[in-house]
Amino acid sequence: MIHVVSFENPRMAQAFVDYMASQHIPLKIHTVPEQQQVELWLNDEEHLAKVQHELERFLQDPTNPRYIAASWETGTTEAGFKYRNTLTLANLKAQSGPLTIAVILICIGVYFWLDMTQHLDVLRYFAWPREDQQFELWRWFSPVFVQFSLSQLVFNLVLWWYLASQVERRLGFGKLLTIFLVSALFCNWAQSLYSESNFGGLSGVVYALISYAWLTGERQPEKEVSAPRGLMIFVIVWLFLGNLGVLGNDIANASHISGLIIGLLMGIWDNRHTFKHQSSR
């Protein structure tokens, strides 16, 4: 048997197996629980060149309708793997990195501090710098740790974990730190133009991660960093409604727009070679 490829995402593995089955080339699925991977194996070396060619096409566009259609036509309920229960503390830790977890813990800690005291007591240390505080450098970033409601905390942290854990595991601690610092700085600065020092929230950074992960997934799906297109559409609609005033006056529209733009710009830069290759065809 010949090892073809390993996937961290079992659904991607099954989609490729189903597609190759539609081409009359069977692949075997072998799970590696200790490495959290799914391996695909080929019995007949005669088909290796065909499988490698189709694998390259699949990695470039794994959401293409032809793969979905193949799953409907050839897929069965007897899959070669079992989905793990991801709602465990051990698995959440395994799927995250130190920076992802640190931001979550800081936001939760600040939220409980905020809940037990007055807003001004917390903002005295975390708010965007006023004119006499410009050299207190942590203030350029610290507003992102302040979540004013439980719904804001949950929404931001769920999306932060989902996206930041992908970036940190696949692209590294340094890449996530860069995205966090750059997006926090620009989003806080943009919101300060409208709200002075009276704002807070991680949502601008989350918007940056959404656009960055979406573009990276579109351009280089083999990196396994992505955000669903539906999520990208949702945040754009949310931005549109926020700027119309439909969602009220407490929405940090400037921070959201800045985050989306910064994430796209960083994504374009990090994936610039894929645009060059496309334009040279």
C-alpha atoms as a PDB file:
ATOM      1  CA  MET A   1       0.000   0.000   0.000  1.00  0.00           C
ATOM      2  CA  ILE A   2       1.126   3.555  -0.776  1.00  0.00           C
ATOM      3  CA  HIS A   3       0.591   6.487   1.586  1.00  0.00           C
ATOM      4  CA  VAL A   4      -1.037   9.285  -0.428  1.00  0.00           C
ATOM      5  CA  VAL A   5      -1.702  12.135   2.008  1.00  0.00           C
ATOM      6  CA  SER A   6      -2.649  12.988   5.602  1.00  0.00           C
ATOM      7  CA  PHE A   7      -5.432  15.374   6.627  1.00  0.00           C
ATOM      8  CA  GLU A   8      -6.222  16.967   9.967  1.00  0.00           C
ATOM      9  CA  ASN A   9      -9.770  17.558   8.752  1.00  0.00           C
ATOM     10  CA  PRO A  10     -11.549  14.170   8.444  1.00  0.00           C
ATOM     11  CA  ARG A  11     -14.347  15.615   6.321  1.00  0.00           C
ATOM     12  CA  MET A  12     -11.834  16.764   3.703  1.00  0.00           C
ATOM     13  CA  ALA A  13     -10.336  13.279   3.702  1.00  0.00           C
ATOM     14  CA  GLN A  14     -13.736  11.662   3.187  1.00  0.00           C
ATOM     15  CA  ALA A  15     -14.625  14.102   0.395  1.00  0.00           C
ATOM     16  CA  PHE A  16     -11.474  13.168  -1.528  1.00  0.00           C
ATOM     17  CA  VAL A  17     -12.045   9.440  -0.933  1.00  0.00           C
ATOM     18  CA  ASP A  18     -15.610   9.771  -2.248  1.00  0.00           C
ATOM     19  CA  TYR A  19     -14.444  11.649  -5.317  1.00  0.00           C
ATOM     20  CA  MET A  20     -11.763   9.080  -6.145  1.00  0.00           C
ATOM     21  CA  ALA A  21     -14.367   6.337  -5.683  1.00  0.00           C
ATOM     22  CA  SER A  22     -16.436   8.082  -8.360  1.00  0.00           C
ATOM     23  CA  GLN A  23     -13.356   7.761 -10.581  1.00  0.00           C
ATOM     24  CA  HIS A  24     -13.225   4.013  -9.764  1.00  0.00           C
ATOM     25  CA  ILE A  25     -10.044   4.364  -7.689  1.00  0.00           C
ATOM     26  CA  PRO A  26     -10.563   3.126  -4.108  1.00  0.00           C
ATOM     27  CA  LEU A  27      -8.588   4.656  -1.262  1.00  0.00           C
ATOM     28  CA  LYS A  28      -8.298   3.321   2.270  1.00  0.00           C
ATOM     29  CA  ILE A  29      -8.774   5.549   5.321  1.00  0.00           C
ATOM     30  CA  HIS A  30      -6.559   5.021   8.353  1.00  0.00           C
ATOM     31  CA  THR A  31      -7.015   7.154  11.472  1.00  0.00           C
ATOM     32  CA  VAL A  32      -4.074   8.177  13.659  1.00  0.00           C
ATOM     33  CA  PRO A  33      -5.731   9.346  16.926  1.00  0.00           C
ATOM     34  CA  GLU A  34      -2.502  10.201  18.713  1.00  0.00           C
ATOM     35  CA  GLN A  35      -1.554  12.602  15.892  1.00  0.00           C
ATOM     36  CA  GLN A  36      -5.141  13.764  15.257  1.00  0.00           C
ATOM     37  CA  GLN A  37      -4.755  12.907  11.584  1.00  0.00           C
ATOM     38  CA  VAL A  38      -6.500  10.868   8.906  1.00  0.00           C
ATOM     39  CA  GLU A  39      -4.248   9.043   6.429  1.00  0.00           C
ATOM     40  CA  LEU A  40      -5.245   7.964   2.924  1.00  0.00           C
ATOM     41  CA  TRP A  41      -3.643   4.874   1.366  1.00  0.00           C
ATOM     42  CA  LEU A  42      -3.701   3.500  -2.182  1.00  0.00           C
ATOM     43  CA  ASN A  43      -3.577  -0.232  -2.963  1.00  0.00           C
ATOM     44  CA  ASP A  44      -2.653  -0.120  -6.654  1.00  0.00           C
ATOM     45  CA  GLU A  45       0.486   1.811  -7.655  1.00  0.00           C
ATOM     46  CA  GLU A  46      -0.823   1.917 -11.219  1.00  0.00           C
ATOM     47  CA  HIS A  47      -3.225   4.690 -10.216  1.00  0.00           C
ATOM     48  CA  LEU A  48      -0.704   6.763  -8.223  1.00  0.00           C
ATOM     49  CA  ALA A  49      -0.109   9.430 -10.891  1.00  0.00           C
ATOM     50  CA  LYS A  50      -3.858   9.904 -11.378  1.00  0.00           C
ATOM     51  CA  VAL A  51      -4.444  10.163  -7.611  1.00  0.00           C
ATOM     52  CA  GLN A  52      -1.653  12.725  -7.153  1.00  0.00           C
ATOM     53  CA  HIS A  53      -3.003  14.822 -10.022  1.00  0.00           C
ATOM     54  CA  GLU A  54      -6.519  14.782  -8.585  1.00  0.00           C
ATOM     55  CA  LEU A  55      -5.181  15.518  -5.100  1.00  0.00           C
ATOM     56  CA  GLU A  56      -3.480  18.676  -6.380  1.00  0.00           C
ATOM     57  CA  ARG A  57      -6.767  19.811  -7.957  1.00  0.00           C
ATOM     58  CA  PHE A  58      -8.660  18.989  -4.772  1.00  0.00           C
ATOM     59  CA  LEU A  59      -6.317  20.988  -2.516  1.00  0.00           C
ATOM     60  CA  GLN A  60      -6.684  24.032  -4.755  1.00  0.00           C
ATOM     61  CA  ASP A  61     -10.483  24.007  -4.508  1.00  0.00           C
ATOM     62  CA  PRO A  62     -11.811  21.505  -1.906  1.00  0.00           C
ATOM     63  CA  THR A  63     -15.286  23.077  -1.840  1.00  0.00           C
ATOM     64  CA  ASN A  64     -15.854  22.627  -5.574  1.00  0.00           C
ATOM     65  CA  PRO A  65     -19.350  21.228  -6.274  1.00  0.00           C
ATOM     66  CA  ARG A  66     -17.881  18.172  -8.010  1.00  0.00           C
ATOM     67  CA  TYR A  67     -16.596  16.881  -4.654  1.00  0.00           C
ATOM     68  CA  ILE A  68     -19.913  17.503  -2.920  1.00  0.00           C
ATOM     69  CA  ALA A  69     -21.702  15.702  -5.750  1.00  0.00           C
ATOM     70  CA  ALA A  70     -19.295  12.763  -5.474  1.00  0.00           C
ATOM     71  CA  SER A  71     -20.028  12.441  -1.771  1.00  0.00           C
ATOM     72  CA  TRP A  72     -23.745  12.304  -2.472  1.00  0.00           C
ATOM     73  CA  GLU A  73     -23.291   9.728  -5.226  1.00  0.00           C
ATOM     74  CA  THR A  74     -20.692   7.418  -3.661  1.00  0.00           C
ATOM     75  CA  GLY A  75     -20.575   8.281   0.058  1.00  0.00           C
ATOM     76  CA  THR A  76     -22.051   5.888   2.623  1.00  0.00           C
ATOM     77  CA  THR A  77     -22.915   6.104   6.291  1.00  0.00           C
ATOM     78  CA  GLU A  78     -20.072   3.658   6.977  1.00  0.00           C
ATOM     79  CA  ALA A  79     -17.272   6.224   7.007  1.00  0.00           C
ATOM     80  CA  GLY A  80     -13.732   5.116   7.712  1.00  0.00           C
ATOM     81  CA  PHE A  81     -13.399   7.345  10.728  1.00  0.00           C
ATOM     82  CA  LYS A  82     -15.351   8.558  13.717  1.00  0.00           C
ATOM     83  CA  TYR A  83     -15.697  12.187  14.682  1.00  0.00           C
ATOM     84  CA  ARG A  84     -14.253  12.930  18.084  1.00  0.00           C
ATOM     85  CA  ASN A  85     -16.133  14.763  20.778  1.00  0.00           C
ATOM     86  CA  THR A  86     -14.565  18.226  20.541  1.00  0.00           C
ATOM     87  CA  LEU A  87     -16.470  19.672  23.484  1.00  0.00           C
ATOM     88  CA  THR A  88     -13.944  18.592  26.081  1.00  0.00           C
ATOM     89  CA  LEU A  89     -11.467  20.753  27.947  1.00  0.00           C
ATOM     90  CA  ALA A  90      -8.566  18.511  26.942  1.00  0.00           C
ATOM     91  CA  ASN A  91      -9.463  18.735  23.253  1.00  0.00           C
ATOM     92  CA  LEU A  92     -10.020  22.477  23.385  1.00  0.00           C
ATOM     93  CA  LYS A  93      -6.534  22.853  24.864  1.00  0.00           C
ATOM     94  CA  ALA A  94      -5.065  20.477  22.281  1.00  0.00           C
ATOM     95  CA  GLN A  95      -6.638  22.451  19.445  1.00  0.00           C
ATOM     96  CA  SER A  96      -5.360  25.779  20.779  1.00  0.00           C
ATOM     97  CA  GLY A  97      -2.017  27.451  21.307  1.00  0.00           C
ATOM     98  CA  PRO A  98      -0.706  29.490  24.247  1.00  0.00           C
ATOM     99  CA  LEU A  99      -1.602  32.875  22.740  1.00  0.00           C
ATOM    100  CA  THR A 100      -5.132  31.748  21.874  1.00  0.00           C
ATOM    101  CA  ILE A 101      -5.702  30.565  25.420  1.00  0.00           C
ATOM    102  CA  ALA A 102      -3.990  33.578  27.022  1.00  0.00           C
ATOM    103  CA  VAL A 103      -6.276  36.072  25.242  1.00  0.00           C
ATOM    104  CA  ILE A 104      -9.344  34.055  26.266  1.00  0.00           C
ATOM    105  CA  LEU A 105      -8.287  33.976  29.922  1.00  0.00           C
ATOM    106  CA  ILE A 106      -7.444  37.694  30.013  1.00  0.00           C
ATOM    107  CA  CYS A 107     -10.785  38.645  28.452  1.00  0.00           C
ATOM    108  CA  ILE A 108     -12.682  36.446  30.910  1.00  0.00           C
ATOM    109  CA  GLY A 109     -10.723  37.848  33.856  1.00  0.00           C
ATOM    110  CA  VAL A 110     -11.320  41.457  32.793  1.00  0.00           C
ATOM    111  CA  TYR A 111     -15.033  40.729  32.228  1.00  0.00           C
ATOM    112  CA  PHE A 112     -15.468  39.428  35.796  1.00  0.00           C
ATOM    113  CA  TRP A 113     -13.510  42.408  37.107  1.00  0.00           C
ATOM    114  CA  LEU A 114     -15.837  44.672  35.123  1.00  0.00           C
ATOM    115  CA  ASP A 115     -18.880  42.826  36.454  1.00  0.00           C
ATOM    116  CA  MET A 116     -17.781  43.244  40.078  1.00  0.00           C
ATOM    117  CA  THR A 117     -16.802  46.929  39.877  1.00  0.00           C
ATOM    118  CA  GLN A 118     -17.665  50.037  37.920  1.00  0.00           C
ATOM    119  CA  HIS A 119     -16.770  50.430  34.250  1.00  0.00           C
ATOM    120  CA  LEU A 120     -14.622  53.442  35.025  1.00  0.00           C
ATOM    121  CA  ASP A 121     -12.491  51.427  37.458  1.00  0.00           C
ATOM    122  CA  VAL A 122     -11.522  49.018  34.668  1.00  0.00           C
ATOM    123  CA  LEU A 123     -11.196  51.625  31.939  1.00  0.00           C
ATOM    124  CA  ARG A 124      -8.860  53.604  34.183  1.00  0.00           C
ATOM    125  CA  TYR A 125      -6.250  50.926  33.386  1.00  0.00           C
ATOM    126  CA  PHE A 126      -7.375  49.527  30.014  1.00  0.00           C
ATOM    127  CA  ALA A 127      -8.825  52.465  28.077  1.00  0.00           C
ATOM    128  CA  TRP A 128      -7.298  53.975  24.933  1.00  0.00           C
ATOM    129  CA  PRO A 129      -4.726  56.620  26.018  1.00  0.00           C
ATOM    130  CA  ARG A 130      -5.777  60.208  26.517  1.00  0.00           C
ATOM    131  CA  GLU A 131      -3.410  63.063  25.712  1.00  0.00           C
ATOM    132  CA  ASP A 132      -1.462  62.680  28.971  1.00  0.00           C
ATOM    133  CA  GLN A 133      -1.241  58.866  28.628  1.00  0.00           C
ATOM    134  CA  GLN A 134       0.411  58.481  25.231  1.00  0.00           C
ATOM    135  CA  PHE A 135       3.518  56.817  26.680  1.00  0.00           C
ATOM    136  CA  GLU A 136       1.517  54.161  28.525  1.00  0.00           C
ATOM    137  CA  LEU A 137       2.043  51.865  25.556  1.00  0.00           C
ATOM    138  CA  TRP A 138      -0.133  48.967  26.729  1.00  0.00           C
ATOM    139  CA  ARG A 139      -3.178  51.212  26.296  1.00  0.00           C
ATOM    140  CA  TRP A 140      -2.767  51.125  22.519  1.00  0.00           C
ATOM    141  CA  PHE A 141      -3.772  47.441  22.662  1.00  0.00           C
ATOM    142  CA  SER A 142      -5.576  46.831  25.985  1.00  0.00           C
ATOM    143  CA  PRO A 143      -9.111  47.996  24.989  1.00  0.00           C
ATOM    144  CA  VAL A 144      -9.552  44.720  23.071  1.00  0.00           C
ATOM    145  CA  PHE A 145      -9.602  42.840  26.381  1.00  0.00           C
ATOM    146  CA  VAL A 146     -12.640  44.752  27.691  1.00  0.00           C
ATOM    147  CA  GLN A 147     -16.008  43.094  26.904  1.00  0.00           C
ATOM    148  CA  PHE A 148     -19.001  44.988  28.285  1.00  0.00           C
ATOM    149  CA  SER A 149     -21.632  42.227  28.170  1.00  0.00           C
ATOM    150  CA  LEU A 150     -21.860  38.466  28.410  1.00  0.00           C
ATOM    151  CA  SER A 151     -23.160  38.213  24.839  1.00  0.00           C
ATOM    152  CA  GLN A 152     -20.224  40.272  23.564  1.00  0.00           C
ATOM    153  CA  LEU A 153     -17.796  38.102  25.552  1.00  0.00           C
ATOM    154  CA  VAL A 154     -19.216  34.798  24.290  1.00  0.00           C
ATOM    155  CA  PHE A 155     -19.569  35.886  20.653  1.00  0.00           C
ATOM    156  CA  ASN A 156     -16.049  37.297  20.472  1.00  0.00           C
ATOM    157  CA  LEU A 157     -14.329  34.458  22.314  1.00  0.00           C
ATOM    158  CA  VAL A 158     -16.028  31.682  20.347  1.00  0.00           C
ATOM    159  CA  LEU A 159     -14.951  33.233  17.051  1.00  0.00           C
ATOM    160  CA  TRP A 160     -11.509  34.095  18.460  1.00  0.00           C
ATOM    161  CA  TRP A 161     -10.944  30.486  19.517  1.00  0.00           C
ATOM    162  CA  TYR A 162     -12.220  29.063  16.221  1.00  0.00           C
ATOM    163  CA  LEU A 163     -10.015  31.313  14.054  1.00  0.00           C
ATOM    164  CA  ALA A 164      -6.987  32.029  16.260  1.00  0.00           C
ATOM    165  CA  SER A 165      -6.447  28.352  17.042  1.00  0.00           C
ATOM    166  CA  GLN A 166      -6.265  27.599  13.306  1.00  0.00           C
ATOM    167  CA  VAL A 167      -3.735  30.350  12.687  1.00  0.00           C
ATOM    168  CA  GLU A 168      -1.583  29.510  15.712  1.00  0.00           C
ATOM    169  CA  ARG A 169      -1.489  25.759  15.039  1.00  0.00           C
ATOM    170  CA  ARG A 170      -0.961  25.966  11.279  1.00  0.00           C
ATOM    171  CA  LEU A 171       0.988  29.220  10.810  1.00  0.00           C
ATOM    172  CA  GLY A 172       2.624  29.631  14.211  1.00  0.00           C
ATOM    173  CA  PHE A 173       2.600  31.740  17.357  1.00  0.00           C
ATOM    174  CA  GLY A 174       4.431  34.607  15.643  1.00  0.00           C
ATOM    175  CA  LYS A 175       1.874  34.951  12.861  1.00  0.00           C
ATOM    176  CA  LEU A 176      -1.058  35.068  15.285  1.00  0.00           C
ATOM    177  CA  LEU A 177       0.779  37.577  17.495  1.00  0.00           C
ATOM    178  CA  THR A 178       1.437  39.800  14.473  1.00  0.00           C
ATOM    179  CA  ILE A 179      -2.203  39.717  13.371  1.00  0.00           C
ATOM    180  CA  PHE A 180      -3.368  40.382  16.941  1.00  0.00           C
ATOM    181  CA  LEU A 181      -1.069  43.355  17.572  1.00  0.00           C
ATOM    182  CA  VAL A 182      -1.503  45.005  14.162  1.00  0.00           C
ATOM    183  CA  SER A 183      -5.284  44.630  14.074  1.00  0.00           C
ATOM    184  CA  ALA A 184      -5.693  45.666  17.734  1.00  0.00           C
ATOM    185  CA  LEU A 185      -3.642  48.817  17.178  1.00  0.00           C
ATOM    186  CA  PHE A 186      -5.419  49.932  14.016  1.00  0.00           C
ATOM    187  CA  CYS A 187      -8.916  48.973  15.186  1.00  0.00           C
ATOM    188  CA  ASN A 188      -8.481  50.779  18.505  1.00  0.00           C
ATOM    189  CA  TRP A 189      -7.095  53.857  16.768  1.00  0.00           C
ATOM    190  CA  ALA A 190      -9.977  53.946  14.266  1.00  0.00           C
ATOM    191  CA  GLN A 191     -12.614  53.582  16.991  1.00  0.00           C
ATOM    192  CA  SER A 192     -10.942  56.270  19.113  1.00  0.00           C
ATOM    193  CA  LEU A 193     -11.668  58.790  16.355  1.00  0.00           C
ATOM    194  CA  TYR A 194     -15.378  58.355  17.091  1.00  0.00           C
ATOM    195  CA  SER A 195     -15.543  57.208  20.720  1.00  0.00           C
ATOM    196  CA  GLU A 196     -12.423  58.807  22.237  1.00  0.00           C
ATOM    197  CA  SER A 197     -11.521  56.438  25.104  1.00  0.00           C
ATOM    198  CA  ASN A 198     -15.004  55.076  25.778  1.00  0.00           C
ATOM    199  CA  PHE A 199     -14.918  51.758  23.938  1.00  0.00           C
ATOM    200  CA  GLY A 200     -13.670  48.208  24.186  1.00  0.00           C
ATOM    201  CA  GLY A 201     -14.030  44.772  22.648  1.00  0.00           C
ATOM    202  CA  LEU A 202     -12.206  42.048  20.746  1.00  0.00           C
ATOM    203  CA  SER A 203     -14.511  42.194  17.739  1.00  0.00           C
ATOM    204  CA  GLY A 204     -12.173  44.293  15.570  1.00  0.00           C
ATOM    205  CA  VAL A 205      -9.438  41.674  15.956  1.00  0.00           C
ATOM    206  CA  VAL A 206     -11.998  38.934  15.263  1.00  0.00           C
ATOM    207  CA  TYR A 207     -13.054  40.696  12.049  1.00  0.00           C
ATOM    208  CA  ALA A 208      -9.404  40.849  11.006  1.00  0.00           C
ATOM    209  CA  LEU A 209      -9.021  37.117  11.640  1.00  0.00           C
ATOM    210  CA  ILE A 210     -12.187  36.357   9.677  1.00  0.00           C
ATOM    211  CA  SER A 211     -11.036  38.204   6.566  1.00  0.00           C
ATOM    212  CA  TYR A 212      -7.457  36.920   6.880  1.00  0.00           C
ATOM    213  CA  ALA A 213      -8.532  33.290   7.332  1.00  0.00           C
ATOM    214  CA  TRP A 214     -11.131  33.530   4.563  1.00  0.00           C
ATOM    215  CA  LEU A 215      -8.643  34.879   2.021  1.00  0.00           C
ATOM    216  CA  THR A 216      -5.961  32.383   3.051  1.00  0.00           C
ATOM    217  CA  GLY A 217      -8.434  29.524   2.712  1.00  0.00           C
ATOM    218  CA  GLU A 218      -9.468  30.725  -0.736  1.00  0.00           C
ATOM    219  CA  ARG A 219      -5.899  31.146  -1.989  1.00  0.00           C
ATOM    220  CA  GLN A 220      -4.065  28.320  -0.163  1.00  0.00           C
ATOM    221  CA  PRO A 221      -6.518  25.709   1.182  1.00  0.00           C
ATOM    222  CA  GLU A 222      -3.652  23.285   1.822  1.00  0.00           C
ATOM    223  CA  LYS A 223      -2.686  25.448   4.840  1.00  0.00           C
ATOM    224  CA  GLU A 224      -5.979  24.398   6.471  1.00  0.00           C
ATOM    225  CA  VAL A 225      -6.674  27.931   7.695  1.00  0.00           C
ATOM    226  CA  SER A 226     -10.097  29.121   6.601  1.00  0.00           C
ATOM    227  CA  ALA A 227     -13.319  30.899   7.447  1.00  0.00           C
ATOM    228  CA  PRO A 228     -16.603  29.855   5.810  1.00  0.00           C
ATOM    229  CA  ARG A 229     -17.828  32.089   3.000  1.00  0.00           C
ATOM    230  CA  GLY A 230     -21.122  32.304   4.850  1.00  0.00           C
ATOM    231  CA  LEU A 231     -19.360  33.847   7.848  1.00  0.00           C
ATOM    232  CA  MET A 232     -17.685  36.412   5.595  1.00  0.00           C
ATOM    233  CA  ILE A 233     -21.071  37.317   4.082  1.00  0.00           C
ATOM    234  CA  PHE A 234     -22.601  37.549   7.552  1.00  0.00           C
ATOM    235  CA  VAL A 235     -20.025  40.032   8.873  1.00  0.00           C
ATOM    236  CA  ILE A 236     -20.362  42.216   5.768  1.00  0.00           C
ATOM    237  CA  VAL A 237     -24.153  42.300   6.215  1.00  0.00           C
ATOM    238  CA  TRP A 238     -23.611  43.024   9.932  1.00  0.00           C
ATOM    239  CA  LEU A 239     -21.326  45.922   9.010  1.00  0.00           C
ATOM    240  CA  PHE A 240     -23.916  47.269   6.599  1.00  0.00           C
ATOM    241  CA  LEU A 241     -26.696  47.105   9.196  1.00  0.00           C
ATOM    242  CA  GLY A 242     -24.440  48.615  11.855  1.00  0.00           C
ATOM    243  CA  ASN A 243     -23.606  51.612   9.713  1.00  0.00           C
ATOM    244  CA  LEU A 244     -27.301  52.122   8.965  1.00  0.00           C
ATOM    245  CA  GLY A 245     -27.935  52.358  12.699  1.00  0.00           C
ATOM    246  CA  VAL A 246     -30.246  49.333  12.705  1.00  0.00           C
ATOM    247  CA  LEU A 247     -28.209  47.626  15.456  1.00  0.00           C
ATOM    248  CA  GLY A 248     -28.140  50.628  17.783  1.00  0.00           C
ATOM    249  CA  ASN A 249     -25.516  53.159  18.769  1.00  0.00           C
ATOM    250  CA  ASP A 250     -23.219  50.856  20.769  1.00  0.00           C
ATOM    251  CA  ILE A 251     -21.749  49.020  17.778  1.00  0.00           C
ATOM    252  CA  ALA A 252     -18.043  49.682  17.160  1.00  0.00           C
ATOM    253  CA  ASN A 253     -18.457  50.149  13.413  1.00  0.00           C
ATOM    254  CA  ALA A 254     -15.095  51.846  12.892  1.00  0.00           C
ATOM    255  CA  SER A 255     -13.290  49.017  14.668  1.00  0.00           C
ATOM    256  CA  HIS A 256     -15.134  46.375  12.627  1.00  0.00           C
ATOM    257  CA  ILE A 257     -14.447  48.030   9.281  1.00  0.00           C
ATOM    258  CA  SER A 258     -10.788  48.584  10.175  1.00  0.00           C
ATOM    259  CA  GLY A 259     -10.407  44.972  11.273  1.00  0.00           C
ATOM    260  CA  LEU A 260     -11.930  43.620   8.088  1.00  0.00           C
ATOM    261  CA  ILE A 261      -9.663  45.801   5.946  1.00  0.00           C
ATOM    262  CA  ILE A 262      -6.493  45.066   7.948  1.00  0.00           C
ATOM    263  CA  GLY A 263      -7.160  41.336   7.809  1.00  0.00           C
ATOM    264  CA  LEU A 264      -7.660  41.468   4.049  1.00  0.00           C
ATOM    265  CA  LEU A 265      -4.480  43.504   3.529  1.00  0.00           C
ATOM    266  CA  MET A 266      -2.420  41.117   5.655  1.00  0.00           C
ATOM    267  CA  GLY A 267      -3.976  38.175   3.855  1.00  0.00           C
ATOM    268  CA  ILE A 268      -3.177  39.673   0.454  1.00  0.00           C
ATOM    269  CA  TRP A 269       0.430  40.241   1.508  1.00  0.00           C
ATOM    270  CA  ASP A 270       0.904  36.743   2.937  1.00  0.00           C
ATOM    271  CA  ASN A 271      -0.684  35.136  -0.134  1.00  0.00           C
ATOM    272  CA  ARG A 272       0.778  37.519  -2.719  1.00  0.00           C
ATOM    273  CA  HIS A 273       2.661  34.785  -4.601  1.00  0.00           C
ATOM    274  CA  THR A 274      -0.638  33.025  -5.398  1.00  0.00           C
ATOM    275  CA  PHE A 275      -1.863  36.144  -7.198  1.00  0.00           C
ATOM    276  CA  LYS A 276       1.382  36.329  -9.173  1.00  0.00           C
ATOM    277  CA  HIS A 277       1.038  32.707 -10.248  1.00  0.00           C
ATOM    278  CA  GLN A 278      -2.545  33.270 -11.329  1.00  0.00           C
ATOM    279  CA  SER A 279      -1.708  36.382 -13.368  1.00  0.00           C
ATOM    280  CA  SER A 280       1.139  34.607 -15.146  1.00  0.00           C
ATOM    281  CA  ARG A 281      -1.098  31.829 -16.486  1.00  0.00           C
END
